[in-house]
Protein backbone atom coordinates (compact mmCIF):
# COMPACT_ATOMS: atom_id res chain seq x y z
CA MET A 1 -16.65 28.59 -36.50
CA ASN A 2 -18.02 26.18 -33.93
CA LEU A 3 -18.70 28.03 -30.64
CA PRO A 4 -17.94 25.12 -28.29
CA GLU A 5 -14.43 24.88 -29.77
CA ILE A 6 -13.46 28.46 -28.88
CA PRO A 7 -10.66 28.15 -26.28
CA LEU A 8 -12.23 30.58 -23.78
CA LEU A 9 -15.56 28.75 -23.87
CA THR A 10 -13.81 25.38 -23.67
CA MET A 11 -11.92 26.48 -20.55
CA LEU A 12 -15.07 27.90 -18.95
CA LYS A 13 -16.98 24.68 -19.63
CA GLY A 14 -14.12 22.66 -18.15
CA SER A 15 -14.08 24.86 -15.07
CA MET A 16 -17.85 24.60 -14.69
CA SER A 17 -17.66 20.80 -14.97
CA TRP A 18 -14.97 20.70 -12.29
CA LEU A 19 -17.08 22.92 -10.01
CA GLU A 20 -20.10 20.69 -10.60
CA ALA A 21 -18.06 17.61 -9.69
CA ARG A 22 -16.76 19.35 -6.57
CA GLN A 23 -20.27 20.33 -5.52
CA SER A 24 -21.29 16.68 -5.81
CA VAL A 25 -18.39 15.50 -3.63
CA LEU A 26 -19.04 18.22 -1.05
CA SER A 27 -22.71 17.27 -0.85
CA GLN A 28 -21.67 13.67 -0.18
CA ASN A 29 -19.45 14.92 2.64
CA VAL A 30 -22.33 16.88 4.19
CA SER A 31 -24.72 13.94 3.89
CA ASN A 32 -22.17 11.69 5.63
CA ALA A 33 -21.33 14.12 8.43
CA ASP A 34 -22.60 11.63 11.03
CA THR A 35 -21.39 8.43 9.37
CA PRO A 36 -18.80 6.64 11.53
CA ASN A 37 -15.29 6.43 10.01
CA TYR A 38 -16.24 8.59 7.02
CA VAL A 39 -13.33 10.67 5.71
CA ALA A 40 -14.15 13.96 3.95
CA HIS A 41 -13.24 14.06 0.25
CA ASP A 42 -12.59 16.79 -2.28
CA VAL A 43 -11.91 16.92 -6.00
CA LYS A 44 -8.32 17.38 -7.10
CA PRO A 45 -7.64 21.00 -8.09
CA LEU A 46 -7.81 21.92 -11.76
CA ASP A 47 -4.52 22.05 -13.60
CA PHE A 48 -4.84 25.47 -15.22
CA GLU A 49 -1.76 24.97 -17.41
CA ARG A 50 -3.27 21.74 -18.78
CA MET A 51 -6.56 23.54 -19.48
CA LEU A 52 -4.73 26.28 -21.39
CA ARG A 53 -2.75 23.72 -23.36
CA GLN A 54 -5.90 21.75 -24.25
CA GLY A 55 -7.78 24.91 -25.17
CA ALA A 56 -4.94 26.01 -27.45
CA GLU A 57 -4.75 22.60 -29.09
CA GLY A 58 -8.51 22.50 -29.62
CA ASP A 59 -8.99 19.42 -27.46
CA LYS A 60 -12.38 19.00 -25.84
CA PHE A 61 -12.99 18.49 -22.14
CA HIS A 62 -16.13 16.49 -22.85
CA ARG A 63 -16.58 13.46 -25.00
CA GLY A 64 -19.83 12.42 -26.57
CA LEU A 65 -21.41 15.86 -26.62
CA ALA A 66 -25.05 15.82 -27.63
CA THR A 67 -27.50 18.59 -28.39
CA THR A 68 -31.20 18.70 -29.20
CA ASP A 69 -30.83 21.57 -31.64
CA ALA A 70 -27.99 22.66 -33.91
CA HIS A 71 -27.98 26.07 -32.20
CA HIS A 72 -27.48 24.67 -28.67
CA ILE A 73 -24.09 24.49 -27.02
CA ALA A 74 -23.69 21.06 -25.49
CA PHE A 75 -22.87 20.68 -21.82
CA THR A 76 -22.54 17.21 -20.37
CA PRO A 77 -22.62 16.83 -16.57
CA SER A 78 -19.41 15.38 -15.27
CA SER A 79 -18.82 12.74 -12.68
CA PRO A 80 -16.50 13.37 -9.73
CA GLY A 81 -14.32 10.50 -10.92
CA GLU A 82 -13.53 12.41 -14.11
CA PHE A 83 -11.39 14.83 -12.10
CA GLY A 84 -10.14 12.47 -9.41
CA SER A 85 -11.18 12.57 -5.79
CA THR A 86 -8.84 12.83 -2.86
CA ASP A 87 -9.22 12.50 0.90
CA ALA A 88 -9.48 15.95 2.45
CA PRO A 89 -10.26 15.66 6.16
CA ASP A 90 -11.56 18.97 7.53
CA ILE A 91 -10.68 18.18 11.12
CA GLU A 92 -9.09 15.47 13.16
CA ALA A 93 -11.41 12.52 13.31
CA ALA A 94 -14.17 12.65 15.90
CA PRO A 95 -14.44 9.78 18.38
CA ASN A 96 -16.54 7.87 15.84
CA GLY A 97 -13.80 8.30 13.17
CA ASN A 98 -15.67 10.91 11.11
CA SER A 99 -13.54 13.79 9.75
CA VAL A 100 -16.27 16.04 8.32
CA SER A 101 -16.72 19.55 9.67
CA LEU A 102 -20.11 20.86 8.56
CA GLU A 103 -18.91 24.44 8.90
CA GLU A 104 -15.89 23.84 6.64
CA GLU A 105 -17.98 21.93 4.11
CA MET A 106 -20.60 24.70 3.93
CA ILE A 107 -17.84 27.29 3.37
CA LYS A 108 -16.49 25.15 0.50
CA VAL A 109 -20.01 24.74 -0.92
CA SER A 110 -20.53 28.51 -0.80
CA GLU A 111 -17.17 29.22 -2.48
CA THR A 112 -17.89 26.62 -5.17
CA GLN A 113 -21.32 28.11 -5.83
CA ALA A 114 -19.84 31.62 -6.17
CA GLN A 115 -17.13 30.37 -8.55
CA PHE A 116 -19.72 28.53 -10.66
CA GLN A 117 -21.86 31.67 -10.85
CA ALA A 118 -18.82 33.71 -11.92
CA ALA A 119 -17.95 31.17 -14.65
CA THR A 120 -21.57 31.16 -15.82
CA ASN A 121 -21.58 34.96 -15.99
CA LEU A 122 -18.31 34.99 -17.96
CA TYR A 123 -19.69 32.39 -20.37
CA SER A 124 -22.86 34.42 -20.86
CA LYS A 125 -20.93 37.67 -21.39
CA ALA A 126 -18.61 36.01 -23.93
CA LEU A 127 -21.59 34.76 -25.91
CA SER A 128 -23.23 38.19 -25.69
CA MET A 129 -20.08 39.86 -27.03
CA MET A 130 -19.96 37.37 -29.91
CA ARG A 131 -23.60 38.07 -30.76
CA THR A 132 -22.85 41.79 -30.75
CA ALA A 133 -19.78 41.26 -32.92
CA ILE A 134 -21.77 39.42 -35.57
CA GLY A 135 -24.58 41.94 -35.41
CA LYS A 136 -27.29 39.91 -33.68
CA SER A 137 -29.01 41.42 -30.69
CA GLY A 138 -31.25 39.78 -28.14
CA SER A 139 -31.33 36.04 -27.48
């Protein structure tokens, strides 16, 4: 059995890729908080039903996976374009046309970081349970 093809792990990797892409878009918003006429962006929400369907069918979220060792589980960073970006103004545009609210962006960054940490913990626990099930302890 190939670990990266287990549906739970596939869904967690897809979720982590989406969160990584969102973090990238949010950081662009923060860095452009003073740029005239800049409109805040966000990544389109994940389609959970699609993720379940792909996980059940054994489809992969990532193409061209590469590892340095046969025992590694590949994880390829995603680009925001992979998930689709959408305009998401936080506030009405300021007099200079900018629609970024630093407070709102930092809340989104914090939520995204917490969700990524939760997905990472779930991934780690799933692997730990599998190691226990096959009788291997430690790392």
